[in-house]
Amino acid sequence: MSRINVPAIATATGATAEVYADVKKIAGGGVPNLFAALGYLAPVSLKAVLNAEAALGSGSLSKQDVETIKLLVSEQTGCDYCVAAHVMIGKMVGLPAEALKQIRAGQPTGDAKRDALVRFVLNLQNTSGTISNEEFAAIRAAGYTDAQLADISLAIALTIFTNTFNRINDTDVDMPPVK
């Protein structure tokens, strides 16, 4: 059970009600538990996340690349909520079920460009300091541009924020179970 008690969505007022309305437009009429808690506690922060997500969505990465990053980071940080969300969204954007399993495991998917992205994100997550020239050359050789490298950074940052909050809150997972 989530640690933070969130009042009923319908009782929200002010900035919280406004950001919930934004979420409902994006999420098909509902407010996922993560956004319910963030909107209740920090509506300005949730609005910033939504704005950053919109920028990422219109950025240089494919939807499959974004979900690859978000799923991998969520798996690495141990956020069961975000793993479930990004498996579900990954399927919606066309990532095969087997590829999702391989991404979670940090294993090759058979798609050379996606595999280079997985290796790059794993390296960023598991090492400190500046990445090596070899790592930079490898991601560029896989076809990623400078603009995409910036968007990779944004995808990682957004995911770490939501992962961290979910781990603090122990947010109830309201997505289909991961198999």
N, C-alpha and C. Protein backbone atom coordinates (compact mmCIF):
# COMPACT_ATOMS: atom_id res chain seq x y z
N MET A 1 0.85 -1.18 0.00
CA MET A 1 0.00 0.00 0.00
C MET A 1 0.89 1.24 0.00
N SER A 2 0.52 2.20 -0.82
CA SER A 2 1.29 3.44 -0.89
C SER A 2 1.40 4.06 0.50
N ARG A 3 2.54 4.64 0.76
CA ARG A 3 2.79 5.25 2.08
C ARG A 3 2.10 6.60 2.24
N ILE A 4 1.90 7.30 1.13
CA ILE A 4 1.31 8.64 1.18
C ILE A 4 -0.17 8.52 0.84
N ASN A 5 -1.00 8.99 1.72
CA ASN A 5 -2.44 8.95 1.53
C ASN A 5 -2.85 10.10 0.61
N VAL A 6 -3.45 9.77 -0.52
CA VAL A 6 -3.87 10.77 -1.50
C VAL A 6 -5.39 10.86 -1.46
N PRO A 7 -5.92 12.07 -1.25
CA PRO A 7 -7.39 12.22 -1.27
C PRO A 7 -7.96 11.85 -2.64
N ALA A 8 -9.24 11.62 -2.69
CA ALA A 8 -9.90 11.28 -3.95
C ALA A 8 -9.61 12.35 -5.00
N ILE A 9 -9.34 11.92 -6.21
CA ILE A 9 -9.02 12.82 -7.32
C ILE A 9 -10.13 13.86 -7.48
N ALA A 10 -11.37 13.45 -7.36
CA ALA A 10 -12.51 14.34 -7.57
C ALA A 10 -12.57 15.48 -6.57
N THR A 11 -11.89 15.37 -5.43
CA THR A 11 -11.93 16.42 -4.41
C THR A 11 -10.82 17.46 -4.59
N ALA A 12 -9.97 17.25 -5.57
CA ALA A 12 -8.83 18.17 -5.78
C ALA A 12 -9.30 19.56 -6.18
N THR A 13 -8.54 20.55 -5.74
CA THR A 13 -8.82 21.95 -6.09
C THR A 13 -7.52 22.63 -6.51
N GLY A 14 -7.66 23.82 -7.05
CA GLY A 14 -6.50 24.66 -7.36
C GLY A 14 -5.53 24.01 -8.34
N ALA A 15 -4.24 24.20 -8.05
CA ALA A 15 -3.18 23.70 -8.94
C ALA A 15 -3.23 22.18 -9.08
N THR A 16 -3.62 21.49 -8.02
CA THR A 16 -3.71 20.03 -8.08
C THR A 16 -4.80 19.62 -9.07
N ALA A 17 -5.97 20.25 -8.99
CA ALA A 17 -7.05 19.93 -9.93
C ALA A 17 -6.64 20.24 -11.37
N GLU A 18 -5.91 21.33 -11.55
CA GLU A 18 -5.47 21.71 -12.90
C GLU A 18 -4.50 20.68 -13.48
N VAL A 19 -3.55 20.25 -12.68
CA VAL A 19 -2.58 19.28 -13.20
C VAL A 19 -3.24 17.91 -13.39
N TYR A 20 -4.19 17.55 -12.55
CA TYR A 20 -4.94 16.31 -12.76
C TYR A 20 -5.69 16.37 -14.09
N ALA A 21 -6.26 17.52 -14.43
CA ALA A 21 -6.96 17.67 -15.71
C ALA A 21 -5.98 17.47 -16.87
N ASP A 22 -4.77 17.98 -16.73
CA ASP A 22 -3.74 17.77 -17.76
C ASP A 22 -3.41 16.29 -17.90
N VAL A 23 -3.27 15.61 -16.77
CA VAL A 23 -2.95 14.18 -16.79
C VAL A 23 -4.08 13.40 -17.45
N LYS A 24 -5.30 13.73 -17.13
CA LYS A 24 -6.45 13.02 -17.70
C LYS A 24 -6.46 13.13 -19.23
N LYS A 25 -6.07 14.28 -19.76
CA LYS A 25 -6.01 14.46 -21.22
C LYS A 25 -4.94 13.54 -21.81
N ILE A 26 -3.84 13.41 -21.13
CA ILE A 26 -2.71 12.60 -21.62
C ILE A 26 -2.99 11.11 -21.43
N ALA A 27 -3.57 10.75 -20.29
CA ALA A 27 -3.71 9.35 -19.89
C ALA A 27 -5.07 8.75 -20.22
N GLY A 28 -5.81 9.38 -21.08
CA GLY A 28 -7.08 8.80 -21.51
C GLY A 28 -8.18 8.86 -20.47
N GLY A 29 -8.16 9.87 -19.62
CA GLY A 29 -9.24 10.08 -18.67
C GLY A 29 -8.96 9.69 -17.24
N GLY A 30 -7.89 8.94 -17.00
CA GLY A 30 -7.56 8.54 -15.65
C GLY A 30 -6.34 9.27 -15.12
N VAL A 31 -6.07 9.07 -13.84
CA VAL A 31 -4.88 9.62 -13.20
C VAL A 31 -4.14 8.46 -12.54
N PRO A 32 -3.06 8.00 -13.15
CA PRO A 32 -2.29 6.90 -12.54
C PRO A 32 -1.83 7.27 -11.12
N ASN A 33 -1.65 6.26 -10.30
CA ASN A 33 -1.29 6.48 -8.90
C ASN A 33 -0.06 7.36 -8.72
N LEU A 34 0.96 7.17 -9.55
CA LEU A 34 2.15 8.02 -9.47
C LEU A 34 1.78 9.48 -9.61
N PHE A 35 1.01 9.81 -10.65
CA PHE A 35 0.65 11.20 -10.90
C PHE A 35 -0.34 11.72 -9.87
N ALA A 36 -1.17 10.84 -9.33
CA ALA A 36 -2.10 11.27 -8.27
C ALA A 36 -1.31 11.75 -7.05
N ALA A 37 -0.32 10.97 -6.66
CA ALA A 37 0.48 11.35 -5.47
C ALA A 37 1.31 12.59 -5.74
N LEU A 38 1.99 12.63 -6.88
CA LEU A 38 2.82 13.82 -7.19
C LEU A 38 1.96 15.06 -7.33
N GLY A 39 0.81 14.93 -7.99
CA GLY A 39 -0.08 16.08 -8.16
C GLY A 39 -0.63 16.60 -6.86
N TYR A 40 -0.90 15.69 -5.95
CA TYR A 40 -1.39 16.08 -4.62
C TYR A 40 -0.31 16.79 -3.81
N LEU A 41 0.89 16.25 -3.82
CA LEU A 41 1.97 16.79 -3.00
C LEU A 41 2.70 17.97 -3.64
N ALA A 42 2.91 17.88 -4.95
CA ALA A 42 3.76 18.86 -5.63
C ALA A 42 3.25 19.10 -7.04
N PRO A 43 2.12 19.79 -7.17
CA PRO A 43 1.55 19.97 -8.51
C PRO A 43 2.48 20.70 -9.47
N VAL A 44 3.29 21.61 -8.98
CA VAL A 44 4.23 22.32 -9.85
C VAL A 44 5.29 21.36 -10.36
N SER A 45 5.75 20.46 -9.51
CA SER A 45 6.73 19.45 -9.95
C SER A 45 6.12 18.51 -10.98
N LEU A 46 4.89 18.08 -10.75
CA LEU A 46 4.24 17.21 -11.73
C LEU A 46 4.07 17.95 -13.05
N LYS A 47 3.70 19.20 -13.01
CA LYS A 47 3.56 19.99 -14.24
C LYS A 47 4.90 20.06 -14.97
N ALA A 48 5.99 20.23 -14.23
CA ALA A 48 7.31 20.26 -14.84
C ALA A 48 7.63 18.92 -15.50
N VAL A 49 7.28 17.83 -14.83
CA VAL A 49 7.50 16.50 -15.41
C VAL A 49 6.69 16.34 -16.69
N LEU A 50 5.43 16.74 -16.67
CA LEU A 50 4.59 16.63 -17.86
C LEU A 50 5.15 17.46 -19.01
N ASN A 51 5.63 18.66 -18.71
CA ASN A 51 6.22 19.50 -19.74
C ASN A 51 7.49 18.87 -20.30
N ALA A 52 8.32 18.32 -19.43
CA ALA A 52 9.55 17.67 -19.88
C ALA A 52 9.22 16.42 -20.69
N GLU A 53 8.20 15.67 -20.29
CA GLU A 53 7.78 14.49 -21.05
C GLU A 53 7.28 14.90 -22.43
N ALA A 54 6.56 16.01 -22.51
CA ALA A 54 6.09 16.49 -23.82
C ALA A 54 7.28 16.87 -24.70
N ALA A 55 8.28 17.52 -24.12
CA ALA A 55 9.48 17.87 -24.89
C ALA A 55 10.19 16.62 -25.37
N LEU A 56 10.29 15.64 -24.51
CA LEU A 56 10.94 14.37 -24.89
C LEU A 56 10.13 13.68 -25.99
N GLY A 57 8.81 13.71 -25.88
CA GLY A 57 7.95 13.08 -26.87
C GLY A 57 8.04 13.72 -28.24
N SER A 58 8.39 15.00 -28.29
CA SER A 58 8.54 15.66 -29.59
C SER A 58 10.01 15.84 -29.95
N GLY A 59 10.87 15.16 -29.21
CA GLY A 59 12.30 15.27 -29.44
C GLY A 59 12.79 14.34 -30.53
N SER A 60 14.05 14.02 -30.47
CA SER A 60 14.74 13.32 -31.56
C SER A 60 14.73 11.80 -31.44
N LEU A 61 14.30 11.27 -30.30
CA LEU A 61 14.30 9.81 -30.10
C LEU A 61 12.97 9.21 -30.53
N SER A 62 13.01 7.98 -31.02
CA SER A 62 11.77 7.27 -31.32
C SER A 62 11.09 6.89 -30.01
N LYS A 63 9.80 6.62 -30.09
CA LYS A 63 9.06 6.17 -28.90
C LYS A 63 9.66 4.87 -28.36
N GLN A 64 10.11 4.00 -29.26
CA GLN A 64 10.73 2.75 -28.81
C GLN A 64 12.04 3.02 -28.09
N ASP A 65 12.83 3.97 -28.57
CA ASP A 65 14.07 4.33 -27.87
C ASP A 65 13.77 4.87 -26.48
N VAL A 66 12.78 5.75 -26.39
CA VAL A 66 12.43 6.33 -25.09
C VAL A 66 12.00 5.23 -24.12
N GLU A 67 11.16 4.31 -24.58
CA GLU A 67 10.70 3.24 -23.68
C GLU A 67 11.81 2.26 -23.35
N THR A 68 12.74 2.05 -24.27
CA THR A 68 13.91 1.22 -23.96
C THR A 68 14.68 1.82 -22.80
N ILE A 69 14.94 3.12 -22.87
CA ILE A 69 15.69 3.82 -21.81
C ILE A 69 14.92 3.76 -20.50
N LYS A 70 13.65 4.12 -20.54
CA LYS A 70 12.86 4.20 -19.30
C LYS A 70 12.71 2.82 -18.65
N LEU A 71 12.50 1.79 -19.45
CA LEU A 71 12.38 0.45 -18.89
C LEU A 71 13.69 -0.01 -18.28
N LEU A 72 14.78 0.21 -19.00
CA LEU A 72 16.09 -0.22 -18.51
C LEU A 72 16.47 0.50 -17.22
N VAL A 73 16.28 1.80 -17.17
CA VAL A 73 16.61 2.56 -15.96
C VAL A 73 15.72 2.12 -14.80
N SER A 74 14.44 1.93 -15.07
CA SER A 74 13.51 1.49 -14.02
C SER A 74 13.90 0.13 -13.46
N GLU A 75 14.30 -0.77 -14.33
CA GLU A 75 14.75 -2.09 -13.89
C GLU A 75 16.01 -1.95 -13.05
N GLN A 76 16.94 -1.12 -13.49
CA GLN A 76 18.20 -0.93 -12.77
C GLN A 76 17.98 -0.33 -11.39
N THR A 77 17.01 0.57 -11.25
CA THR A 77 16.77 1.21 -9.96
C THR A 77 15.82 0.40 -9.08
N GLY A 78 15.19 -0.62 -9.65
CA GLY A 78 14.30 -1.46 -8.84
C GLY A 78 12.92 -0.87 -8.62
N CYS A 79 12.44 -0.07 -9.56
CA CYS A 79 11.11 0.55 -9.40
C CYS A 79 10.06 -0.33 -10.07
N ASP A 80 9.36 -1.13 -9.27
CA ASP A 80 8.36 -2.04 -9.82
C ASP A 80 7.23 -1.30 -10.51
N TYR A 81 6.87 -0.12 -10.01
CA TYR A 81 5.81 0.67 -10.63
C TYR A 81 6.21 1.06 -12.05
N CYS A 82 7.38 1.63 -12.20
CA CYS A 82 7.81 2.10 -13.53
C CYS A 82 8.15 0.95 -14.46
N VAL A 83 8.64 -0.16 -13.94
CA VAL A 83 8.86 -1.32 -14.79
C VAL A 83 7.52 -1.75 -15.41
N ALA A 84 6.49 -1.86 -14.58
CA ALA A 84 5.17 -2.24 -15.09
C ALA A 84 4.66 -1.22 -16.11
N ALA A 85 4.82 0.06 -15.80
CA ALA A 85 4.34 1.10 -16.72
C ALA A 85 5.07 1.03 -18.05
N HIS A 86 6.39 0.87 -18.00
CA HIS A 86 7.15 0.93 -19.25
C HIS A 86 7.12 -0.38 -20.04
N VAL A 87 6.82 -1.50 -19.40
CA VAL A 87 6.52 -2.71 -20.15
C VAL A 87 5.21 -2.50 -20.92
N MET A 88 4.20 -1.97 -20.24
CA MET A 88 2.91 -1.73 -20.88
C MET A 88 3.05 -0.73 -22.03
N ILE A 89 3.71 0.39 -21.78
CA ILE A 89 3.87 1.40 -22.82
C ILE A 89 4.78 0.88 -23.94
N GLY A 90 5.82 0.13 -23.56
CA GLY A 90 6.70 -0.46 -24.56
C GLY A 90 5.92 -1.32 -25.55
N LYS A 91 5.00 -2.13 -25.04
CA LYS A 91 4.15 -2.93 -25.93
C LYS A 91 3.30 -2.04 -26.82
N MET A 92 2.79 -0.95 -26.24
CA MET A 92 1.94 -0.03 -27.00
C MET A 92 2.69 0.64 -28.15
N VAL A 93 3.99 0.87 -27.97
CA VAL A 93 4.78 1.53 -29.03
C VAL A 93 5.46 0.52 -29.95
N GLY A 94 5.15 -0.75 -29.78
CA GLY A 94 5.60 -1.76 -30.72
C GLY A 94 6.85 -2.54 -30.36
N LEU A 95 7.30 -2.45 -29.12
CA LEU A 95 8.44 -3.28 -28.72
C LEU A 95 7.94 -4.70 -28.46
N PRO A 96 8.54 -5.70 -29.09
CA PRO A 96 8.10 -7.08 -28.87
C PRO A 96 8.32 -7.52 -27.41
N ALA A 97 7.47 -8.42 -26.94
CA ALA A 97 7.56 -8.90 -25.56
C ALA A 97 8.94 -9.46 -25.25
N GLU A 98 9.51 -10.21 -26.18
CA GLU A 98 10.84 -10.79 -25.94
C GLU A 98 11.90 -9.69 -25.83
N ALA A 99 11.80 -8.65 -26.65
CA ALA A 99 12.74 -7.54 -26.57
C ALA A 99 12.62 -6.84 -25.21
N LEU A 100 11.41 -6.68 -24.71
CA LEU A 100 11.21 -6.06 -23.39
C LEU A 100 11.91 -6.87 -22.31
N LYS A 101 11.81 -8.20 -22.38
CA LYS A 101 12.48 -9.06 -21.40
C LYS A 101 14.00 -8.89 -21.50
N GLN A 102 14.50 -8.85 -22.74
CA GLN A 102 15.94 -8.70 -22.93
C GLN A 102 16.44 -7.34 -22.46
N ILE A 103 15.67 -6.29 -22.72
CA ILE A 103 16.04 -4.95 -22.25
C ILE A 103 16.13 -4.96 -20.74
N ARG A 104 15.13 -5.53 -20.07
CA ARG A 104 15.14 -5.58 -18.61
C ARG A 104 16.38 -6.29 -18.08
N ALA A 105 16.81 -7.30 -18.80
CA ALA A 105 17.97 -8.10 -18.38
C ALA A 105 19.29 -7.48 -18.84
N GLY A 106 19.21 -6.40 -19.63
CA GLY A 106 20.42 -5.80 -20.16
C GLY A 106 21.11 -6.68 -21.18
N GLN A 107 20.32 -7.51 -21.85
CA GLN A 107 20.85 -8.48 -22.81
C GLN A 107 20.53 -8.05 -24.24
N PRO A 108 21.26 -8.58 -25.22
CA PRO A 108 21.01 -8.24 -26.62
C PRO A 108 19.59 -8.61 -27.06
N THR A 109 19.01 -7.73 -27.86
CA THR A 109 17.66 -7.95 -28.38
C THR A 109 17.67 -8.42 -29.82
N GLY A 110 18.83 -8.35 -30.46
CA GLY A 110 18.91 -8.68 -31.87
C GLY A 110 18.80 -7.47 -32.78
N ASP A 111 18.51 -6.31 -32.19
CA ASP A 111 18.46 -5.06 -32.95
C ASP A 111 19.72 -4.29 -32.57
N ALA A 112 20.64 -4.17 -33.51
CA ALA A 112 21.97 -3.61 -33.21
C ALA A 112 21.89 -2.20 -32.62
N LYS A 113 21.04 -1.36 -33.17
CA LYS A 113 20.95 0.01 -32.66
C LYS A 113 20.37 0.03 -31.25
N ARG A 114 19.31 -0.74 -31.02
CA ARG A 114 18.71 -0.81 -29.68
C ARG A 114 19.72 -1.38 -28.68
N ASP A 115 20.46 -2.40 -29.11
CA ASP A 115 21.45 -3.01 -28.23
C ASP A 115 22.56 -2.02 -27.87
N ALA A 116 22.95 -1.17 -28.81
CA ALA A 116 23.95 -0.13 -28.52
C ALA A 116 23.39 0.86 -27.50
N LEU A 117 22.11 1.19 -27.63
CA LEU A 117 21.46 2.10 -26.68
C LEU A 117 21.43 1.47 -25.29
N VAL A 118 21.08 0.19 -25.21
CA VAL A 118 21.05 -0.51 -23.92
C VAL A 118 22.44 -0.50 -23.28
N ARG A 119 23.47 -0.83 -24.06
CA ARG A 119 24.84 -0.83 -23.51
C ARG A 119 25.23 0.56 -23.02
N PHE A 120 24.88 1.58 -23.80
CA PHE A 120 25.22 2.96 -23.45
C PHE A 120 24.54 3.38 -22.15
N VAL A 121 23.24 3.12 -22.05
CA VAL A 121 22.49 3.52 -20.84
C VAL A 121 22.99 2.72 -19.64
N LEU A 122 23.24 1.44 -19.81
CA LEU A 122 23.79 0.64 -18.70
C LEU A 122 25.12 1.21 -18.24
N ASN A 123 25.97 1.59 -19.18
CA ASN A 123 27.26 2.17 -18.83
C ASN A 123 27.06 3.47 -18.05
N LEU A 124 26.16 4.32 -18.50
CA LEU A 124 25.89 5.57 -17.79
C LEU A 124 25.36 5.32 -16.38
N GLN A 125 24.52 4.30 -16.25
CA GLN A 125 23.91 3.99 -14.95
C GLN A 125 24.89 3.32 -13.98
N ASN A 126 25.82 2.57 -14.51
CA ASN A 126 26.65 1.73 -13.65
C ASN A 126 28.07 2.24 -13.45
N THR A 127 28.40 3.37 -14.02
CA THR A 127 29.73 3.93 -13.82
C THR A 127 29.60 5.38 -13.37
N SER A 128 30.63 5.88 -12.78
CA SER A 128 30.63 7.30 -12.41
C SER A 128 31.68 8.00 -13.26
N GLY A 129 31.55 9.29 -13.30
CA GLY A 129 32.50 10.07 -14.08
C GLY A 129 32.12 10.14 -15.55
N THR A 130 32.95 10.80 -16.30
CA THR A 130 32.73 10.97 -17.73
C THR A 130 32.88 9.63 -18.44
N ILE A 131 32.01 9.37 -19.40
CA ILE A 131 32.13 8.12 -20.15
C ILE A 131 33.39 8.15 -21.00
N SER A 132 33.85 6.98 -21.36
CA SER A 132 35.08 6.87 -22.15
C SER A 132 34.84 7.32 -23.59
N ASN A 133 35.92 7.67 -24.25
CA ASN A 133 35.85 8.01 -25.67
C ASN A 133 35.33 6.83 -26.48
N GLU A 134 35.67 5.61 -26.06
CA GLU A 134 35.20 4.43 -26.75
C GLU A 134 33.68 4.28 -26.65
N GLU A 135 33.13 4.54 -25.45
CA GLU A 135 31.67 4.47 -25.27
C GLU A 135 30.98 5.53 -26.12
N PHE A 136 31.54 6.73 -26.14
CA PHE A 136 30.97 7.80 -26.95
C PHE A 136 31.01 7.43 -28.43
N ALA A 137 32.14 6.92 -28.87
CA ALA A 137 32.29 6.52 -30.28
C ALA A 137 31.31 5.40 -30.63
N ALA A 138 31.09 4.47 -29.71
CA ALA A 138 30.20 3.34 -29.99
C ALA A 138 28.75 3.80 -30.16
N ILE A 139 28.29 4.71 -29.33
CA ILE A 139 26.89 5.16 -29.46
C ILE A 139 26.73 6.00 -30.71
N ARG A 140 27.74 6.78 -31.04
CA ARG A 140 27.69 7.56 -32.29
C ARG A 140 27.74 6.63 -33.50
N ALA A 141 28.56 5.58 -33.44
CA ALA A 141 28.66 4.62 -34.54
C ALA A 141 27.34 3.88 -34.74
N ALA A 142 26.57 3.74 -33.67
CA ALA A 142 25.26 3.08 -33.77
C ALA A 142 24.23 3.98 -34.46
N GLY A 143 24.59 5.24 -34.66
CA GLY A 143 23.70 6.14 -35.38
C GLY A 143 23.03 7.21 -34.56
N TYR A 144 23.38 7.32 -33.29
CA TYR A 144 22.77 8.34 -32.44
C TYR A 144 23.46 9.68 -32.62
N THR A 145 22.66 10.73 -32.76
CA THR A 145 23.16 12.09 -32.99
C THR A 145 23.40 12.81 -31.67
N ASP A 146 24.02 13.97 -31.76
CA ASP A 146 24.23 14.79 -30.56
C ASP A 146 22.89 15.16 -29.92
N ALA A 147 21.90 15.52 -30.73
CA ALA A 147 20.58 15.86 -30.19
C ALA A 147 19.97 14.65 -29.49
N GLN A 148 20.15 13.46 -30.04
CA GLN A 148 19.61 12.27 -29.40
C GLN A 148 20.34 11.97 -28.09
N LEU A 149 21.62 12.26 -28.03
CA LEU A 149 22.35 12.07 -26.77
C LEU A 149 21.78 12.98 -25.68
N ALA A 150 21.41 14.21 -26.05
CA ALA A 150 20.78 15.11 -25.09
C ALA A 150 19.44 14.55 -24.64
N ASP A 151 18.66 14.02 -25.59
CA ASP A 151 17.36 13.45 -25.23
C ASP A 151 17.49 12.17 -24.41
N ILE A 152 18.55 11.39 -24.65
CA ILE A 152 18.82 10.23 -23.80
C ILE A 152 19.03 10.69 -22.36
N SER A 153 19.77 11.76 -22.19
CA SER A 153 20.01 12.31 -20.84
C SER A 153 18.70 12.72 -20.18
N LEU A 154 17.83 13.38 -20.93
CA LEU A 154 16.54 13.81 -20.37
C LEU A 154 15.69 12.59 -20.00
N ALA A 155 15.66 11.59 -20.85
CA ALA A 155 14.87 10.38 -20.55
C ALA A 155 15.36 9.72 -19.27
N ILE A 156 16.67 9.64 -19.11
CA ILE A 156 17.23 9.04 -17.89
C ILE A 156 16.85 9.87 -16.68
N ALA A 157 17.00 11.19 -16.77
CA ALA A 157 16.71 12.07 -15.63
C ALA A 157 15.25 11.98 -15.20
N LEU A 158 14.34 12.02 -16.15
CA LEU A 158 12.91 11.92 -15.82
C LEU A 158 12.59 10.59 -15.16
N THR A 159 13.19 9.54 -15.67
CA THR A 159 12.93 8.21 -15.13
C THR A 159 13.48 8.07 -13.72
N ILE A 160 14.64 8.59 -13.49
CA ILE A 160 15.21 8.53 -12.13
C ILE A 160 14.33 9.29 -11.15
N PHE A 161 13.79 10.44 -11.57
CA PHE A 161 12.89 11.20 -10.69
C PHE A 161 11.67 10.37 -10.30
N THR A 162 10.99 9.80 -11.30
CA THR A 162 9.78 9.04 -10.97
C THR A 162 10.12 7.75 -10.23
N ASN A 163 11.22 7.11 -10.60
CA ASN A 163 11.65 5.91 -9.88
C ASN A 163 11.89 6.22 -8.41
N THR A 164 12.59 7.29 -8.16
CA THR A 164 12.93 7.65 -6.78
C THR A 164 11.68 7.94 -5.97
N PHE A 165 10.76 8.73 -6.54
CA PHE A 165 9.53 9.04 -5.81
C PHE A 165 8.73 7.76 -5.54
N ASN A 166 8.61 6.89 -6.54
CA ASN A 166 7.85 5.65 -6.34
C ASN A 166 8.48 4.77 -5.27
N ARG A 167 9.78 4.75 -5.20
CA ARG A 167 10.45 3.94 -4.18
C ARG A 167 10.23 4.53 -2.80
N ILE A 168 10.20 5.85 -2.69
CA ILE A 168 9.92 6.50 -1.40
C ILE A 168 8.49 6.20 -0.99
N ASN A 169 7.56 6.38 -1.92
CA ASN A 169 6.13 6.22 -1.62
C ASN A 169 5.68 4.76 -1.59
N ASP A 170 6.42 3.88 -2.22
CA ASP A 170 5.98 2.50 -2.44
C ASP A 170 4.62 2.54 -3.14
N THR A 171 4.58 3.33 -4.22
CA THR A 171 3.34 3.58 -4.96
C THR A 171 2.70 2.27 -5.41
N ASP A 172 1.40 2.14 -5.12
CA ASP A 172 0.64 0.97 -5.55
C ASP A 172 0.67 0.90 -7.08
N VAL A 173 1.03 -0.26 -7.60
CA VAL A 173 1.10 -0.45 -9.04
C VAL A 173 -0.31 -0.61 -9.59
N ASP A 174 -0.68 0.28 -10.49
CA ASP A 174 -2.00 0.24 -11.10
C ASP A 174 -1.89 -0.01 -12.62
N MET A 175 -0.90 -0.80 -12.97
CA MET A 175 -0.66 -1.20 -14.37
C MET A 175 -0.79 -2.73 -14.42
N PRO A 176 -0.92 -3.27 -15.64
CA PRO A 176 -0.95 -4.73 -15.74
C PRO A 176 0.32 -5.35 -15.15
N PRO A 177 0.21 -6.51 -14.50
CA PRO A 177 1.39 -7.14 -13.91
C PRO A 177 2.40 -7.52 -14.98
N VAL A 178 3.66 -7.45 -14.63
CA VAL A 178 4.74 -7.80 -15.55
C VAL A 178 4.95 -9.30 -15.48
N LYS A 179 5.02 -9.91 -16.64
CA LYS A 179 5.21 -11.36 -16.72
C LYS A 179 6.58 -11.68 -17.20
